[in-house]
N, C-alpha and C. Protein backbone atom coordinates (compact mmCIF):
# COMPACT_ATOMS: atom_id res chain seq x y z
N MET A 1 74.87 35.13 125.04
CA MET A 1 75.90 33.57 125.29
C MET A 1 75.28 32.95 126.58
N THR A 2 75.49 31.73 126.57
CA THR A 2 74.81 31.05 128.39
C THR A 2 76.03 31.18 128.89
N ALA A 3 75.88 31.09 130.46
CA ALA A 3 76.41 31.13 131.21
C ALA A 3 77.80 30.07 131.14
N ASP A 4 77.82 28.85 130.90
CA ASP A 4 78.83 27.80 130.11
C ASP A 4 79.76 28.45 129.19
N LYS A 5 79.23 29.28 128.30
CA LYS A 5 79.82 29.64 127.12
C LYS A 5 80.84 31.00 128.07
N GLU A 6 80.58 31.72 128.75
CA GLU A 6 80.87 32.76 129.15
C GLU A 6 81.93 32.59 130.53
N ALA A 7 81.70 31.40 131.03
CA ALA A 7 82.61 30.28 131.68
C ALA A 7 83.77 30.34 130.96
N THR A 8 83.25 29.49 129.39
CA THR A 8 84.93 29.10 128.83
C THR A 8 85.39 30.12 128.67
N ALA A 9 84.81 31.11 128.01
CA ALA A 9 85.53 32.18 127.32
C ALA A 9 86.44 33.28 128.48
N ALA A 10 85.76 32.94 129.84
CA ALA A 10 86.37 33.81 130.69
C ALA A 10 87.94 32.94 131.18
N ASP A 11 87.65 31.51 131.30
CA ASP A 11 88.70 31.11 131.79
C ASP A 11 89.96 30.87 130.61
N TRP A 12 89.73 30.63 129.40
CA TRP A 12 90.84 30.97 128.80
C TRP A 12 91.13 32.47 128.36
N ARG A 13 90.59 33.25 128.77
CA ARG A 13 91.22 34.86 128.75
C ARG A 13 91.93 34.62 129.73
N GLU A 14 91.71 34.59 130.94
CA GLU A 14 92.50 34.61 132.46
C GLU A 14 93.24 34.06 132.13
N LEU A 15 93.59 32.58 131.76
CA LEU A 15 94.79 32.45 131.29
C LEU A 15 95.51 32.66 130.20
N ALA A 16 95.36 33.54 129.62
CA ALA A 16 96.10 33.92 128.28
C ALA A 16 96.75 35.37 129.33
N ARG A 17 95.85 35.93 130.51
CA ARG A 17 96.39 37.13 130.72
C ARG A 17 97.68 36.49 132.09
N ARG A 18 97.36 35.38 132.63
CA ARG A 18 98.40 35.18 133.36
C ARG A 18 99.92 34.51 133.11
N ILE A 19 99.43 33.94 131.73
CA ILE A 19 100.54 33.72 130.43
C ILE A 19 101.39 35.03 130.10
N GLN A 20 100.55 36.26 130.03
CA GLN A 20 101.27 37.28 129.61
C GLN A 20 102.53 38.29 130.84
N LYS A 21 101.56 37.75 131.99
CA LYS A 21 102.74 38.07 133.40
C LYS A 21 103.45 37.65 133.99
N GLU A 22 103.23 36.26 134.18
CA GLU A 22 104.65 35.07 134.09
C GLU A 22 106.02 35.29 133.99
N ASP A 23 106.25 35.42 135.09
CA ASP A 23 108.21 35.59 134.90
C ASP A 23 108.82 33.70 134.60
N ASP A 24 108.45 32.71 134.89
CA ASP A 24 108.85 31.61 135.13
C ASP A 24 108.40 30.95 134.06
N PRO A 25 109.41 30.27 133.51
CA PRO A 25 109.52 29.61 132.00
C PRO A 25 108.51 28.52 132.48
N GLU A 26 108.90 27.50 133.57
CA GLU A 26 108.02 26.58 133.86
C GLU A 26 106.86 26.53 133.93
N LYS A 27 106.11 27.53 134.68
CA LYS A 27 105.02 28.08 134.96
C LYS A 27 103.87 28.35 133.93
N VAL A 28 104.56 29.13 132.85
CA VAL A 28 104.31 29.48 131.73
C VAL A 28 104.33 28.34 130.57
N LEU A 29 104.66 27.78 130.56
CA LEU A 29 104.55 26.24 129.74
C LEU A 29 103.49 25.64 130.69
N GLU A 30 103.08 25.61 131.77
CA GLU A 30 102.01 25.06 132.09
C GLU A 30 100.80 25.34 131.83
N LEU A 31 100.64 26.50 131.95
CA LEU A 31 100.04 27.70 131.93
C LEU A 31 99.50 27.62 129.99
N VAL A 32 100.17 27.36 129.03
CA VAL A 32 99.74 27.03 128.30
C VAL A 32 99.62 25.83 127.82
N GLN A 33 99.93 24.90 128.62
CA GLN A 33 99.57 23.56 128.30
C GLN A 33 97.96 23.62 128.80
N GLN A 34 97.12 24.40 129.97
CA GLN A 34 96.23 24.46 130.40
C GLN A 34 95.44 25.73 129.17
N LEU A 35 95.63 26.01 128.56
CA LEU A 35 95.10 26.87 127.45
C LEU A 35 95.20 26.37 126.36
N ILE A 36 95.58 25.17 126.16
CA ILE A 36 95.62 24.35 125.18
C ILE A 36 94.20 23.25 125.27
N VAL A 37 94.15 23.00 126.38
CA VAL A 37 92.98 22.09 126.74
C VAL A 37 91.69 22.72 126.67
N LYS A 38 91.33 24.50 127.45
CA LYS A 38 90.84 24.82 127.37
C LYS A 38 90.14 25.23 125.69
N PHE A 39 90.95 25.70 125.14
CA PHE A 39 90.76 26.09 123.52
C PHE A 39 90.06 24.56 122.54
N ASN A 40 90.83 23.31 123.19
CA ASN A 40 90.46 22.39 122.73
C ASN A 40 89.11 21.97 123.19
N GLU A 41 88.39 21.95 124.44
CA GLU A 41 87.20 21.78 124.98
C GLU A 41 86.10 22.78 124.05
N GLU A 42 86.77 23.69 123.89
CA GLU A 42 85.72 24.88 123.07
C GLU A 42 85.47 24.39 122.16
N ARG A 43 86.46 24.32 121.06
CA ARG A 43 86.38 23.76 119.27
C ARG A 43 85.03 22.56 120.03
N ARG A 44 85.44 21.24 120.84
CA ARG A 44 85.02 20.40 120.81
C ARG A 44 83.14 20.74 121.03
N ARG A 45 82.97 21.60 121.95
CA ARG A 45 81.87 21.59 121.83
C ARG A 45 81.08 22.80 120.71
N LYS A 46 81.80 23.48 120.08
CA LYS A 46 81.23 24.17 119.17
C LYS A 46 80.68 22.94 117.90
N GLY A 47 81.70 21.49 117.85
CA GLY A 47 81.41 20.60 117.26
C GLY A 47 82.89 20.79 115.86
N LEU A 48 84.00 21.42 116.64
CA LEU A 48 84.47 21.85 115.08
C LEU A 48 85.92 21.03 115.65
N SER A 49 86.82 20.56 114.93
CA SER A 49 87.97 19.79 114.62
C SER A 49 89.05 20.20 115.78
N THR A 50 89.82 19.31 116.79
CA THR A 50 90.30 19.75 117.54
C THR A 50 92.38 19.93 116.59
N THR A 51 92.32 19.11 115.72
CA THR A 51 93.21 19.24 115.19
C THR A 51 93.45 19.92 113.69
N ARG A 52 94.54 20.23 113.96
CA ARG A 52 95.21 21.13 112.60
C ARG A 52 95.08 20.82 110.85
N LYS A 53 94.40 21.01 110.05
CA LYS A 53 95.19 20.47 108.46
C LYS A 53 96.27 21.08 108.30
N LEU A 54 97.07 20.24 108.29
CA LEU A 54 98.09 20.78 107.36
C LEU A 54 98.18 21.05 106.18
N GLU A 55 98.59 22.34 105.37
CA GLU A 55 98.24 22.83 104.47
C GLU A 55 99.66 22.89 103.17
N SER A 56 99.58 21.88 102.06
CA SER A 56 100.81 21.73 101.27
C SER A 56 101.38 23.09 100.34
N PRO A 57 102.43 23.67 100.07
CA PRO A 57 102.77 24.97 99.57
C PRO A 57 102.21 24.24 97.95
N LEU A 58 102.38 22.88 97.86
CA LEU A 58 102.03 22.80 96.22
C LEU A 58 101.03 22.52 96.16
N ASP A 59 99.84 22.93 96.87
CA ASP A 59 98.57 22.60 96.83
C ASP A 59 97.76 23.63 96.00
């Protein structure tokens, strides 16, 4: 794993830990938004879509 990949993984893991420990709902929301940004950055870096396709239960 390259240093860049390790840094990204460490970033989102640290954000997840902070979210779990945070008591302030507004701060939790802020941290979750940061986590989503990190997640999307990682998916873009891997060449994956950042949007999820909704599956119809009728398909």
